[in-house]
Every structure is written in C-alpha cells, then in structure tokens.
PDB file of N, CA and C in Angstrom:
ATOM      1  N   MET A   1       0.693  -1.213   0.063  1.00  0.00           N
ATOM      2  CA  MET A   1      -0.125  -0.002  -0.047  1.00  0.00           C
ATOM      3  C   MET A   1       0.844   1.354   0.023  1.00  0.00           C
ATOM      4  N   ALA A   2       2.053   1.203   0.588  1.00  0.00           N
ATOM      5  CA  ALA A   2       2.896   2.344   0.654  1.00  0.00           C
ATOM      6  C   ALA A   2       3.396   2.606  -0.742  1.00  0.00           C
ATOM      7  N   GLN A   3       3.744   1.530  -1.458  1.00  0.00           N
ATOM      8  CA  GLN A   3       4.127   1.800  -2.860  1.00  0.00           C
ATOM      9  C   GLN A   3       3.161   2.609  -3.688  1.00  0.00           C
ATOM     10  N   SER A   4       1.885   2.179  -3.425  1.00  0.00           N
ATOM     11  CA  SER A   4       0.711   2.856  -4.463  1.00  0.00           C
ATOM     12  C   SER A   4       0.652   4.476  -4.199  1.00  0.00           C
ATOM     13  N   GLN A   5       0.938   4.758  -2.929  1.00  0.00           N
ATOM     14  CA  GLN A   5       0.816   6.201  -2.545  1.00  0.00           C
ATOM     15  C   GLN A   5       1.935   6.901  -3.085  1.00  0.00           C
ATOM     16  N   THR A   6       3.217   6.407  -3.159  1.00  0.00           N
ATOM     17  CA  THR A   6       4.352   7.247  -3.665  1.00  0.00           C
ATOM     18  C   THR A   6       4.159   7.683  -4.994  1.00  0.00           C
ATOM     19  N   PRO A   7       3.643   6.999  -6.105  1.00  0.00           N
ATOM     20  CA  PRO A   7       3.422   7.753  -7.371  1.00  0.00           C
ATOM     21  C   PRO A   7       2.395   8.773  -7.339  1.00  0.00           C
ATOM     22  N   ASN A   8       1.256   8.539  -6.365  1.00  0.00           N
ATOM     23  CA  ASN A   8       0.270   9.624  -6.217  1.00  0.00           C
ATOM     24  C   ASN A   8       0.849  10.894  -5.559  1.00  0.00           C
ATOM     25  N   ARG A   9       1.716  10.726  -4.716  1.00  0.00           N
ATOM     26  CA  ARG A   9       2.480  11.936  -3.891  1.00  0.00           C
ATOM     27  C   ARG A   9       3.330  12.652  -5.087  1.00  0.00           C
ATOM     28  N   SER A  10       4.068  11.822  -5.471  1.00  0.00           N
ATOM     29  CA  SER A  10       4.880  12.515  -6.618  1.00  0.00           C
ATOM     30  C   SER A  10       4.140  13.280  -7.721  1.00  0.00           C
ATOM     31  N   ARG A  11       2.967  12.685  -8.149  1.00  0.00           N
ATOM     32  CA  ARG A  11       2.218  13.358  -9.020  1.00  0.00           C
ATOM     33  C   ARG A  11       1.748  14.714  -8.544  1.00  0.00           C
ATOM     34  N   LEU A  12       1.060  14.633  -7.254  1.00  0.00           N
ATOM     35  CA  LEU A  12       0.640  15.902  -6.618  1.00  0.00           C
ATOM     36  C   LEU A  12       1.849  16.870  -6.289  1.00  0.00           C
ATOM     37  N   ARG A  13       2.902  16.559  -5.988  1.00  0.00           N
ATOM     38  CA  ARG A  13       4.027  17.496  -5.959  1.00  0.00           C
ATOM     39  C   ARG A  13       4.495  17.905  -7.222  1.00  0.00           C
ATOM     40  N   LEU A  14       4.363  17.357  -8.351  1.00  0.00           N
ATOM     41  CA  LEU A  14       4.641  17.754  -9.645  1.00  0.00           C
ATOM     42  C   LEU A  14       3.505  18.586 -10.056  1.00  0.00           C
ATOM     43  N   ILE A  15       2.175  18.529  -9.845  1.00  0.00           N
ATOM     44  CA  ILE A  15       1.087  19.287 -10.066  1.00  0.00           C
ATOM     45  C   ILE A  15       1.182  20.739  -9.393  1.00  0.00           C
ATOM     46  N   ALA A  16       1.498  20.518  -8.109  1.00  0.00           N
ATOM     47  CA  ALA A  16       1.592  21.680  -7.219  1.00  0.00           C
ATOM     48  C   ALA A  16       2.838  22.519  -7.775  1.00  0.00           C
ATOM     49  N   ALA A  17       3.993  21.965  -8.096  1.00  0.00           N
ATOM     50  CA  ALA A  17       5.048  22.742  -8.454  1.00  0.00           C
ATOM     51  C   ALA A  17       4.769  23.340  -9.799  1.00  0.00           C
ATOM     52  N   LEU A  18       4.095  22.787 -10.676  1.00  0.00           N
ATOM     53  CA  LEU A  18       3.648  23.603 -12.102  1.00  0.00           C
ATOM     54  C   LEU A  18       2.713  24.422 -11.845  1.00  0.00           C
ATOM     55  N   ALA A  19       1.850  24.428 -10.790  1.00  0.00           N
ATOM     56  CA  ALA A  19       0.642  25.284 -10.695  1.00  0.00           C
ATOM     57  C   ALA A  19       1.447  26.570  -9.944  1.00  0.00           C
ATOM     58  N   THR A  20       2.358  26.426  -9.227  1.00  0.00           N
ATOM     59  CA  THR A  20       3.064  27.492  -8.478  1.00  0.00           C
ATOM     60  C   THR A  20       3.771  28.150  -9.553  1.00  0.00           C
ATOM     61  N   SER A  21       4.801  27.463 -10.300  1.00  0.00           N
ATOM     62  CA  SER A  21       5.501  28.235 -11.220  1.00  0.00           C
ATOM     63  C   SER A  21       4.820  29.221 -12.248  1.00  0.00           C
ATOM     64  N   SER A  22       3.570  28.321 -12.618  1.00  0.00           N
ATOM     65  CA  SER A  22       2.710  29.060 -13.709  1.00  0.00           C
ATOM     66  C   SER A  22       2.087  30.303 -12.928  1.00  0.00           C
ATOM     67  N   LEU A  23       1.755  30.338 -11.599  1.00  0.00           N
ATOM     68  CA  LEU A  23       1.332  31.407 -10.951  1.00  0.00           C
ATOM     69  C   LEU A  23       2.459  32.674 -10.976  1.00  0.00           C
ATOM     70  N   LEU A  24       3.698  32.126 -10.390  1.00  0.00           N
ATOM     71  CA  LEU A  24       4.736  33.054 -10.307  1.00  0.00           C
ATOM     72  C   LEU A  24       5.242  33.714 -11.707  1.00  0.00           C
ATOM     73  N   GLY A  25       5.063  32.938 -12.805  1.00  0.00           N
ATOM     74  CA  GLY A  25       5.479  33.406 -14.025  1.00  0.00           C
ATOM     75  C   GLY A  25       4.531  34.665 -14.478  1.00  0.00           C
ATOM     76  N   ALA A  26       3.385  34.790 -13.880  1.00  0.00           N
ATOM     77  CA  ALA A  26       2.465  35.839 -14.291  1.00  0.00           C
ATOM     78  C   ALA A  26       2.455  37.004 -13.117  1.00  0.00           C
ATOM     79  N   CYS A  27       3.450  36.976 -12.423  1.00  0.00           N
ATOM     80  CA  CYS A  27       3.896  38.196 -11.446  1.00  0.00           C
ATOM     81  C   CYS A  27       4.422  39.235 -12.419  1.00  0.00           C
ATOM     82  N   ILE A  28       4.169  40.601 -12.013  1.00  0.00           N
ATOM     83  CA  ILE A  28       4.761  41.722 -12.561  1.00  0.00           C
ATOM     84  C   ILE A  28       5.627  42.318 -11.165  1.00  0.00           C
ATOM     85  N   VAL A  29       6.868  42.536 -11.668  1.00  0.00           N
ATOM     86  CA  VAL A  29       7.827  43.261 -10.716  1.00  0.00           C
ATOM     87  C   VAL A  29       7.747  44.732 -10.913  1.00  0.00           C
ATOM     88  N   VAL A  30       7.445  45.535  -9.966  1.00  0.00           N
ATOM     89  CA  VAL A  30       7.232  46.801 -10.226  1.00  0.00           C
ATOM     90  C   VAL A  30       8.569  47.329  -9.116  1.00  0.00           C
ATOM     91  N   PRO A  31       9.163  48.441  -9.708  1.00  0.00           N
ATOM     92  CA  PRO A  31      10.006  49.095  -8.735  1.00  0.00           C
ATOM     93  C   PRO A  31       9.567  49.800  -7.556  1.00  0.00           C
ATOM     94  N   VAL A  32      10.207  49.860  -6.400  1.00  0.00           N
ATOM     95  CA  VAL A  32       9.644  50.546  -5.336  1.00  0.00           C
ATOM     96  C   VAL A  32       9.848  51.869  -5.206  1.00  0.00           C
ATOM     97  N   GLY A  33      10.744  52.294  -5.961  1.00  0.00           N
ATOM     98  CA  GLY A  33      11.111  53.821  -6.031  1.00  0.00           C
ATOM     99  C   GLY A  33      12.577  53.909  -5.087  1.00  0.00           C
ATOM    100  N   ARG A  34      12.680  55.380  -5.189  1.00  0.00           N
ATOM    101  CA  ARG A  34      13.965  55.544  -4.531  1.00  0.00           C
ATOM    102  C   ARG A  34      13.667  56.635  -3.495  1.00  0.00           C
ATOM    103  N   ARG A  35      14.274  55.930  -2.264  1.00  0.00           N
ATOM    104  CA  ARG A  35      13.781  56.899  -0.987  1.00  0.00           C
ATOM    105  C   ARG A  35      14.999  58.245  -1.037  1.00  0.00           C
ATOM    106  N   SER A  36      14.511  59.359  -0.775  1.00  0.00           N
ATOM    107  CA  SER A  36      15.221  60.477  -0.691  1.00  0.00           C
ATOM    108  C   SER A  36      15.068  61.539   0.467  1.00  0.00           C
ATOM    109  N   SER A  37      15.692  62.407   0.677  1.00  0.00           N
ATOM    110  CA  SER A  37      15.536  63.399   1.771  1.00  0.00           C
ATOM    111  C   SER A  37      14.649  64.306   1.147  1.00  0.00           C
ATOM    112  N   GLY A  38      13.941  64.294   0.229  1.00  0.00           N
ATOM    113  CA  GLY A  38      13.165  65.431  -0.686  1.00  0.00           C
ATOM    114  C   GLY A  38      11.856  65.412   0.135  1.00  0.00           C
ATOM    115  N   ARG A  39      11.392  66.644   0.052  1.00  0.00           N
ATOM    116  CA  ARG A  39      10.178  67.234   0.829  1.00  0.00           C
ATOM    117  C   ARG A  39       9.246  67.737  -0.271  1.00  0.00           C
ATOM    118  N   VAL A  40       8.072  67.955  -0.033  1.00  0.00           N
ATOM    119  CA  VAL A  40       7.156  68.869  -0.393  1.00  0.00           C
ATOM    120  C   VAL A  40       7.045  70.409   0.047  1.00  0.00           C
ATOM    121  N   ILE A  41       7.215  71.307  -0.749  1.00  0.00           N
ATOM    122  CA  ILE A  41       7.044  72.743  -0.308  1.00  0.00           C
ATOM    123  C   ILE A  41       5.781  73.282  -0.718  1.00  0.00           C
ATOM    124  N   GLU A  42       5.019  73.917   0.093  1.00  0.00           N
ATOM    125  CA  GLU A  42       3.606  74.283  -0.152  1.00  0.00           C
ATOM    126  C   GLU A  42       3.921  75.864  -0.529  1.00  0.00           C
ATOM    127  N   ASP A  43       3.524  76.397  -1.732  1.00  0.00           N
ATOM    128  CA  ASP A  43       3.579  77.685  -1.969  1.00  0.00           C
ATOM    129  C   ASP A  43       2.107  78.097  -2.458  1.00  0.00           C
ATOM    130  N   ASP A  44       1.708  79.063  -1.679  1.00  0.00           N
ATOM    131  CA  ASP A  44       0.373  79.367  -1.976  1.00  0.00           C
ATOM    132  C   ASP A  44       0.135  80.027  -3.745  1.00  0.00           C
ATOM    133  N   ASP A  45       1.147  80.720  -3.932  1.00  0.00           N
ATOM    134  CA  ASP A  45       0.975  81.394  -5.315  1.00  0.00           C
ATOM    135  C   ASP A  45       1.049  80.185  -6.363  1.00  0.00           C
ATOM    136  N   ASP A  46       2.054  79.264  -6.093  1.00  0.00           N
ATOM    137  CA  ASP A  46       2.539  78.307  -7.421  1.00  0.00           C
ATOM    138  C   ASP A  46       2.225  76.878  -7.134  1.00  0.00           C
ATOM    139  N   GLY A  47       1.417  76.519  -5.858  1.00  0.00           N
ATOM    140  CA  GLY A  47       1.297  75.218  -5.944  1.00  0.00           C
ATOM    141  C   GLY A  47       2.223  74.192  -4.902  1.00  0.00           C
ATOM    142  N   GLU A  48       2.585  73.143  -5.069  1.00  0.00           N
ATOM    143  CA  GLU A  48       3.569  72.327  -4.420  1.00  0.00           C
ATOM    144  C   GLU A  48       4.756  71.954  -5.368  1.00  0.00           C
ATOM    145  N   PHE A  49       5.814  71.930  -4.572  1.00  0.00           N
ATOM    146  CA  PHE A  49       7.057  71.799  -5.246  1.00  0.00           C
ATOM    147  C   PHE A  49       7.736  70.586  -4.251  1.00  0.00           C
ATOM    148  N   VAL A  50       8.583  69.672  -5.266  1.00  0.00           N
ATOM    149  CA  VAL A  50       9.513  68.650  -4.580  1.00  0.00           C
ATOM    150  C   VAL A  50      10.906  68.953  -4.534  1.00  0.00           C
ATOM    151  N   THR A  51      11.491  68.940  -3.478  1.00  0.00           N
ATOM    152  CA  THR A  51      12.901  69.308  -3.303  1.00  0.00           C
ATOM    153  C   THR A  51      14.088  68.575  -4.051  1.00  0.00           C
ATOM    154  N   VAL A  52      13.926  67.510  -4.639  1.00  0.00           N
ATOM    155  CA  VAL A  52      14.552  66.515  -5.310  1.00  0.00           C
ATOM    156  C   VAL A  52      14.132  66.040  -6.414  1.00  0.00           C
ATOM    157  N   ALA A  53      15.069  66.206  -7.507  1.00  0.00           N
ATOM    158  CA  ALA A  53      14.735  66.064  -8.912  1.00  0.00           C
ATOM    159  C   ALA A  53      14.421  64.653  -8.909  1.00  0.00           C
ATOM    160  N   PRO A  54      13.477  64.306 -10.343  1.00  0.00           N
ATOM    161  CA  PRO A  54      13.218  63.109 -10.653  1.00  0.00           C
ATOM    162  C   PRO A  54      14.136  62.286 -11.176  1.00  0.00           C
ATOM    163  N   PRO A  55      14.380  60.941 -10.913  1.00  0.00           N
ATOM    164  CA  PRO A  55      15.497  60.050 -11.674  1.00  0.00           C
ATOM    165  C   PRO A  55      15.245  60.230 -13.209  1.00  0.00           C
ATOM    166  N   PRO A  56      16.253  59.772 -14.004  1.00  0.00           N
ATOM    167  CA  PRO A  56      15.855  59.544 -15.621  1.00  0.00           C
ATOM    168  C   PRO A  56      14.718  58.692 -15.637  1.00  0.00           C
ATOM    169  N   PRO A  57      14.026  58.840 -16.843  1.00  0.00           N
ATOM    170  CA  PRO A  57      13.029  57.879 -17.082  1.00  0.00           C
ATOM    171  C   PRO A  57      13.394  56.580 -17.528  1.00  0.00           C
ATOM    172  N   GLN A  58      12.449  55.515 -16.925  1.00  0.00           N
ATOM    173  CA  GLN A  58      12.801  54.109 -17.091  1.00  0.00           C
ATOM    174  C   GLN A  58      12.247  53.623 -18.399  1.00  0.00           C
ATOM    175  N   VAL A  59      12.625  52.722 -18.896  1.00  0.00           N
ATOM    176  CA  VAL A  59      12.062  52.017 -20.287  1.00  0.00           C
ATOM    177  C   VAL A  59      10.729  51.364 -20.095  1.00  0.00           C
ATOM    178  N   ASP A  60       9.791  51.707 -20.685  1.00  0.00           N
ATOM    179  CA  ASP A  60       8.630  51.077 -20.559  1.00  0.00           C
ATOM    180  C   ASP A  60       8.359  50.137 -21.864  1.00  0.00           C
ATOM    181  N   VAL A  61       8.014  48.913 -21.855  1.00  0.00           N
ATOM    182  CA  VAL A  61       7.852  48.009 -22.877  1.00  0.00           C
ATOM    183  C   VAL A  61       6.041  47.887 -22.980  1.00  0.00           C
ATOM    184  N   ALA A  62       5.891  48.387 -24.195  1.00  0.00           N
ATOM    185  CA  ALA A  62       4.495  48.360 -24.610  1.00  0.00           C
ATOM    186  C   ALA A  62       4.221  46.988 -25.197  1.00  0.00           C
ATOM    187  N   ILE A  63       3.227  46.298 -24.905  1.00  0.00           N
ATOM    188  CA  ILE A  63       3.019  45.028 -25.603  1.00  0.00           C
ATOM    189  C   ILE A  63       1.948  45.595 -26.502  1.00  0.00           C
ATOM    190  N   ALA A  64       1.265  44.515 -27.239  1.00  0.00           N
ATOM    191  CA  ALA A  64       0.280  44.989 -28.359  1.00  0.00           C
ATOM    192  C   ALA A  64      -0.864  45.760 -27.946  1.00  0.00           C
ATOM    193  N   ALA A  65      -1.317  46.669 -28.592  1.00  0.00           N
ATOM    194  CA  ALA A  65      -2.495  47.638 -28.293  1.00  0.00           C
ATOM    195  C   ALA A  65      -3.668  46.634 -28.139  1.00  0.00           C
ATOM    196  N   PRO A  66      -4.510  47.017 -27.194  1.00  0.00           N
ATOM    197  CA  PRO A  66      -5.797  46.333 -27.022  1.00  0.00           C
ATOM    198  C   PRO A  66      -6.670  46.259 -28.232  1.00  0.00           C
ATOM    199  N   GLY A  67      -6.619  47.282 -29.143  1.00  0.00           N
ATOM    200  CA  GLY A  67      -7.565  47.089 -30.242  1.00  0.00           C
ATOM    201  C   GLY A  67      -7.027  48.522 -30.963  1.00  0.00           C
ATOM    202  N   PRO A  68      -7.582  48.582 -32.085  1.00  0.00           N
ATOM    203  CA  PRO A  68      -7.445  49.766 -33.041  1.00  0.00           C
ATOM    204  C   PRO A  68      -7.914  51.301 -32.536  1.00  0.00           C
ATOM    205  N   GLY A  69      -7.398  52.257 -32.695  1.00  0.00           N
ATOM    206  CA  GLY A  69      -7.669  53.504 -31.921  1.00  0.00           C
ATOM    207  C   GLY A  69      -7.026  53.570 -30.673  1.00  0.00           C
ATOM    208  N   TYR A  70      -5.976  52.908 -30.050  1.00  0.00           N
ATOM    209  CA  TYR A  70      -5.315  53.157 -28.972  1.00  0.00           C
ATOM    210  C   TYR A  70      -4.071  53.784 -29.226  1.00  0.00           C
ATOM    211  N   PHE A  71      -3.545  54.460 -28.251  1.00  0.00           N
ATOM    212  CA  PHE A  71      -2.168  54.848 -28.317  1.00  0.00           C
ATOM    213  C   PHE A  71      -1.444  54.755 -26.923  1.00  0.00           C
ATOM    214  N   TRP A  72       0.049  54.689 -26.745  1.00  0.00           N
ATOM    215  CA  TRP A  72       0.619  54.329 -25.677  1.00  0.00           C
ATOM    216  C   TRP A  72       0.967  55.494 -24.813  1.00  0.00           C
ATOM    217  N   ILE A  73       0.654  55.596 -23.764  1.00  0.00           N
ATOM    218  CA  ILE A  73       1.085  56.959 -22.694  1.00  0.00           C
ATOM    219  C   ILE A  73       2.248  56.164 -21.869  1.00  0.00           C
ATOM    220  N   GLY A  74       3.474  56.685 -22.003  1.00  0.00           N
ATOM    221  CA  GLY A  74       4.756  56.331 -21.432  1.00  0.00           C
ATOM    222  C   GLY A  74       4.617  56.674 -20.039  1.00  0.00           C
ATOM    223  N   GLY A  75       4.994  55.547 -19.141  1.00  0.00           N
ATOM    224  CA  GLY A  75       5.268  55.880 -17.587  1.00  0.00           C
ATOM    225  C   GLY A  75       5.980  57.112 -17.206  1.00  0.00           C
ATOM    226  N   HIS A  76       5.991  57.466 -16.030  1.00  0.00           N
ATOM    227  CA  HIS A  76       6.626  58.741 -15.548  1.00  0.00           C
ATOM    228  C   HIS A  76       6.863  58.350 -13.875  1.00  0.00           C
ATOM    229  N   TRP A  77       7.808  59.300 -13.536  1.00  0.00           N
ATOM    230  CA  TRP A  77       7.965  59.345 -11.998  1.00  0.00           C
ATOM    231  C   TRP A  77       6.927  60.145 -11.402  1.00  0.00           C
ATOM    232  N   GLY A  78       6.204  59.735 -10.288  1.00  0.00           N
ATOM    233  CA  GLY A  78       5.442  60.465  -9.496  1.00  0.00           C
ATOM    234  C   GLY A  78       6.105  60.660  -8.202  1.00  0.00           C
ATOM    235  N   TRP A  79       5.598  61.274  -7.405  1.00  0.00           N
ATOM    236  CA  TRP A  79       6.131  61.790  -6.149  1.00  0.00           C
ATOM    237  C   TRP A  79       4.898  61.281  -5.147  1.00  0.00           C
ATOM    238  N   ILE A  80       5.133  60.049  -4.472  1.00  0.00           N
ATOM    239  CA  ILE A  80       4.125  59.526  -3.750  1.00  0.00           C
ATOM    240  C   ILE A  80       4.720  58.897  -2.274  1.00  0.00           C
ATOM    241  N   GLY A  81       4.168  59.407  -1.250  1.00  0.00           N
ATOM    242  CA  GLY A  81       4.844  58.771  -0.176  1.00  0.00           C
ATOM    243  C   GLY A  81       6.196  59.352   0.283  1.00  0.00           C
ATOM    244  N   GLY A  82       6.830  60.319  -0.058  1.00  0.00           N
ATOM    245  CA  GLY A  82       7.780  61.022   0.063  1.00  0.00           C
ATOM    246  C   GLY A  82       9.031  60.461  -0.611  1.00  0.00           C
ATOM    247  N   ARG A  83       8.537  59.859  -1.709  1.00  0.00           N
ATOM    248  CA  ARG A  83       9.776  59.385  -2.643  1.00  0.00           C
ATOM    249  C   ARG A  83       9.179  59.352  -4.100  1.00  0.00           C
ATOM    250  N   HIS A  84      10.132  59.271  -5.102  1.00  0.00           N
ATOM    251  CA  HIS A  84       9.795  58.877  -6.501  1.00  0.00           C
ATOM    252  C   HIS A  84       9.471  57.636  -6.582  1.00  0.00           C
ATOM    253  N   LEU A  85       8.408  57.478  -7.546  1.00  0.00           N
ATOM    254  CA  LEU A  85       7.998  56.112  -7.615  1.00  0.00           C
ATOM    255  C   LEU A  85       7.564  56.185  -9.020  1.00  0.00           C
ATOM    256  N   TRP A  86       7.834  55.149  -9.828  1.00  0.00           N
ATOM    257  CA  TRP A  86       7.898  54.970 -11.213  1.00  0.00           C
ATOM    258  C   TRP A  86       6.541  54.374 -11.241  1.00  0.00           C
ATOM    259  N   LEU A  87       5.543  55.006 -12.232  1.00  0.00           N
ATOM    260  CA  LEU A  87       4.250  54.681 -12.481  1.00  0.00           C
ATOM    261  C   LEU A  87       4.332  54.299 -14.227  1.00  0.00           C
ATOM    262  N   GLY A  88       4.113  52.848 -14.325  1.00  0.00           N
ATOM    263  CA  GLY A  88       4.164  52.594 -15.570  1.00  0.00           C
ATOM    264  C   GLY A  88       3.163  52.913 -16.732  1.00  0.00           C
ATOM    265  N   GLY A  89       3.509  52.892 -17.989  1.00  0.00           N
ATOM    266  CA  GLY A  89       2.704  53.343 -18.908  1.00  0.00           C
ATOM    267  C   GLY A  89       1.494  52.473 -19.221  1.00  0.00           C
ATOM    268  N   ARG A  90       0.659  52.956 -20.050  1.00  0.00           N
ATOM    269  CA  ARG A  90      -0.781  52.321 -20.330  1.00  0.00           C
ATOM    270  C   ARG A  90      -1.160  52.551 -21.785  1.00  0.00           C
ATOM    271  N   TRP A  91      -2.054  51.799 -22.234  1.00  0.00           N
ATOM    272  CA  TRP A  91      -2.911  52.129 -23.375  1.00  0.00           C
ATOM    273  C   TRP A  91      -3.845  53.044 -23.140  1.00  0.00           C
ATOM    274  N   GLU A  92      -4.371  54.036 -24.170  1.00  0.00           N
ATOM    275  CA  GLU A  92      -5.507  54.713 -23.754  1.00  0.00           C
ATOM    276  C   GLU A  92      -6.163  55.107 -25.278  1.00  0.00           C
ATOM    277  N   ALA A  93      -7.490  55.043 -25.263  1.00  0.00           N
ATOM    278  CA  ALA A  93      -8.231  55.095 -26.440  1.00  0.00           C
ATOM    279  C   ALA A  93      -8.160  56.722 -26.899  1.00  0.00           C
ATOM    280  N   HIS A  94      -7.844  56.757 -28.312  1.00  0.00           N
ATOM    281  CA  HIS A  94      -7.941  58.131 -28.574  1.00  0.00           C
ATOM    282  C   HIS A  94      -9.382  58.918 -28.534  1.00  0.00           C
ATOM    283  N   ARG A  95      -9.221  60.146 -28.260  1.00  0.00           N
ATOM    284  CA  ARG A  95     -10.471  60.762 -27.929  1.00  0.00           C
ATOM    285  C   ARG A  95     -10.685  61.863 -29.226  1.00  0.00           C
ATOM    286  N   PRO A  96     -11.629  61.580 -30.249  1.00  0.00           N
ATOM    287  CA  PRO A  96     -11.626  62.645 -31.097  1.00  0.00           C
ATOM    288  C   PRO A  96     -11.768  64.419 -30.717  1.00  0.00           C
ATOM    289  N   GLY A  97     -11.077  65.015 -31.199  1.00  0.00           N
ATOM    290  CA  GLY A  97     -11.109  66.239 -30.871  1.00  0.00           C
ATOM    291  C   GLY A  97     -10.623  66.732 -29.566  1.00  0.00           C
ATOM    292  N   TRP A  98      -9.554  65.828 -29.005  1.00  0.00           N
ATOM    293  CA  TRP A  98      -8.684  66.114 -27.862  1.00  0.00           C
ATOM    294  C   TRP A  98      -7.244  65.660 -28.281  1.00  0.00           C
ATOM    295  N   ASN A  99      -6.332  66.401 -27.599  1.00  0.00           N
ATOM    296  CA  ASN A  99      -4.915  65.911 -27.760  1.00  0.00           C
ATOM    297  C   ASN A  99      -4.506  65.427 -26.124  1.00  0.00           C
ATOM    298  N   TRP A 100      -3.687  64.531 -26.271  1.00  0.00           N
ATOM    299  CA  TRP A 100      -3.102  64.231 -24.905  1.00  0.00           C
ATOM    300  C   TRP A 100      -1.884  64.955 -24.642  1.00  0.00           C
ATOM    301  N   VAL A 101      -1.832  65.346 -23.486  1.00  0.00           N
ATOM    302  CA  VAL A 101      -0.529  66.147 -23.012  1.00  0.00           C
ATOM    303  C   VAL A 101       0.209  65.292 -21.930  1.00  0.00           C
ATOM    304  N   PRO A 102       1.508  64.795 -22.051  1.00  0.00           N
ATOM    305  CA  PRO A 102       1.999  64.122 -21.245  1.00  0.00           C
ATOM    306  C   PRO A 102       2.622  64.639 -19.900  1.00  0.00           C
ATOM    307  N   PHE A 103       2.483  63.737 -18.892  1.00  0.00           N
ATOM    308  CA  PHE A 103       3.053  64.137 -17.434  1.00  0.00           C
ATOM    309  C   PHE A 103       4.266  64.771 -17.665  1.00  0.00           C
ATOM    310  N   GLY A 104       4.662  65.637 -16.940  1.00  0.00           N
ATOM    311  CA  GLY A 104       6.256  66.109 -16.905  1.00  0.00           C
ATOM    312  C   GLY A 104       6.539  66.902 -15.719  1.00  0.00           C
ATOM    313  N   TRP A 105       8.014  66.954 -15.575  1.00  0.00           N
ATOM    314  CA  TRP A 105       8.261  67.772 -14.208  1.00  0.00           C
ATOM    315  C   TRP A 105       9.117  69.092 -14.823  1.00  0.00           C
ATOM    316  N   THR A 106       8.760  69.910 -14.114  1.00  0.00           N
ATOM    317  CA  THR A 106       9.421  71.404 -14.436  1.00  0.00           C
ATOM    318  C   THR A 106      10.385  71.792 -13.345  1.00  0.00           C
ATOM    319  N   ARG A 107      11.470  72.272 -13.742  1.00  0.00           N
ATOM    320  CA  ARG A 107      12.156  72.892 -12.501  1.00  0.00           C
ATOM    321  C   ARG A 107      11.921  74.310 -12.210  1.00  0.00           C
ATOM    322  N   HIS A 108      11.810  74.691 -11.113  1.00  0.00           N
ATOM    323  CA  HIS A 108      11.398  76.061 -10.731  1.00  0.00           C
ATOM    324  C   HIS A 108      12.324  76.450  -9.346  1.00  0.00           C
ATOM    325  N   ARG A 109      12.327  77.941  -9.365  1.00  0.00           N
ATOM    326  CA  ARG A 109      13.219  78.220  -8.186  1.00  0.00           C
ATOM    327  C   ARG A 109      13.409  77.466  -7.122  1.00  0.00           C
ATOM    328  N   ARG A 110      12.027  77.010  -6.473  1.00  0.00           N
ATOM    329  CA  ARG A 110      11.833  76.243  -5.274  1.00  0.00           C
ATOM    330  C   ARG A 110      11.827  74.810  -5.145  1.00  0.00           C
ATOM    331  N   GLY A 111      12.239  74.300  -6.375  1.00  0.00           N
ATOM    332  CA  GLY A 111      12.114  72.908  -6.643  1.00  0.00           C
ATOM    333  C   GLY A 111      11.621  72.374  -7.930  1.00  0.00           C
ATOM    334  N   TRP A 112      11.142  71.217  -7.888  1.00  0.00           N
ATOM    335  CA  TRP A 112      10.571  70.419  -9.064  1.00  0.00           C
ATOM    336  C   TRP A 112       8.986  70.305  -8.789  1.00  0.00           C
ATOM    337  N   ARG A 113       8.268  70.671  -9.910  1.00  0.00           N
ATOM    338  CA  ARG A 113       6.885  70.932 -10.082  1.00  0.00           C
ATOM    339  C   ARG A 113       6.258  69.596 -11.119  1.00  0.00           C
ATOM    340  N   ALA A 114       5.366  68.928 -10.573  1.00  0.00           N
ATOM    341  CA  ALA A 114       4.732  67.818 -11.628  1.00  0.00           C
ATOM    342  C   ALA A 114       3.421  68.552 -12.241  1.00  0.00           C
ATOM    343  N   SER A 115       3.461  68.307 -13.371  1.00  0.00           N
ATOM    344  CA  SER A 115       2.316  68.460 -14.344  1.00  0.00           C
ATOM    345  C   SER A 115       1.808  67.423 -14.938  1.00  0.00           C
ATOM    346  N   PRO A 116       0.556  66.896 -14.305  1.00  0.00           N
ATOM    347  CA  PRO A 116      -0.038  65.763 -14.481  1.00  0.00           C
ATOM    348  C   PRO A 116      -0.428  65.553 -16.068  1.00  0.00           C
ATOM    349  N   GLY A 117      -0.464  64.593 -16.662  1.00  0.00           N
ATOM    350  CA  GLY A 117      -1.021  64.158 -17.928  1.00  0.00           C
ATOM    351  C   GLY A 117      -2.555  64.614 -18.148  1.00  0.00           C
ATOM    352  N   ARG A 118      -2.830  64.988 -19.126  1.00  0.00           N
ATOM    353  CA  ARG A 118      -4.307  65.364 -19.209  1.00  0.00           C
ATOM    354  C   ARG A 118      -4.803  65.586 -20.605  1.00  0.00           C
ATOM    355  N   TRP A 119      -5.979  65.673 -20.675  1.00  0.00           N
ATOM    356  CA  TRP A 119      -6.457  65.905 -22.317  1.00  0.00           C
ATOM    357  C   TRP A 119      -6.894  67.208 -22.616  1.00  0.00           C
ATOM    358  N   ASP A 120      -6.268  67.772 -23.552  1.00  0.00           N
ATOM    359  CA  ASP A 120      -6.752  69.154 -23.925  1.00  0.00           C
ATOM    360  C   ASP A 120      -7.538  69.263 -25.242  1.00  0.00           C
ATOM    361  N   ARG A 121      -8.639  70.203 -25.268  1.00  0.00           N
ATOM    362  CA  ARG A 121      -9.387  70.268 -26.316  1.00  0.00           C
ATOM    363  C   ARG A 121      -8.578  70.784 -27.553  1.00  0.00           C
ATOM    364  N   ARG A 122      -8.695  70.454 -28.743  1.00  0.00           N
ATOM    365  CA  ARG A 122      -7.896  71.084 -29.932  1.00  0.00           C
ATOM    366  C   ARG A 122      -8.293  72.315 -30.162  1.00  0.00           C
TER     367      ARG A 122
END
C-alpha cells in the first residue's frame, strides 16, 4: 500500500510545482522607488514643489495595443509617499477632438513641480 501512494504523492508534488511556477510566471515586478530626503514645499501662489529632482525615465515596454484606436502613454516618475515612484505606461483610447498632453516635471526656483498628464481640447 505504501508503494501505491508514492506515485500519487509524486504526481501531486509535480502538479503543485507546475501550478506554483505558472502563478509566479504571471507576476509583475514593480520598482519600489527611490527613497530620498526630498520634501514637498507648499507655496500659496505656485502650488506644491518637490525638493529633489526626478530620476531619469525608465524604459517602458508596450505590449500589443488592446485594439485599433489606442495609443501608448509612457510611464513617469510620480512623487508618492515622500519618494519618487515609477508609474508604468498604459494604453489609452484616442478621443476625437482632444490631444493628450503627457506628464512632466518642471524645474522652478523652489524645486521641481509635477504637471499631470491631461486631455486638452484641440
């Protein structure tokens, strides 16, 4: 009886290993971001500024578009939780009569200011 259970256990272990590896193969690794000593400065006239420059952009790999009429919006560094955090790109559907203005960072006297991506009417 012990001999008949061994092949079943081996088969179960193999199935469990295959299931685990297939689940792990679907994982997405997201960078945690870079800790810094930067801080946000509130300025009543000009909004918020971050005192540390964003890192260079990372490379986003765009997979196939979900359908016709979509375009790729590249990722960017956001300021979240007191650090720069990479926010990966995404596909977005075109909007007739609108232009996409990408996210950007602008250097100012008091630091760096984020300009969120947005749709502008043509």
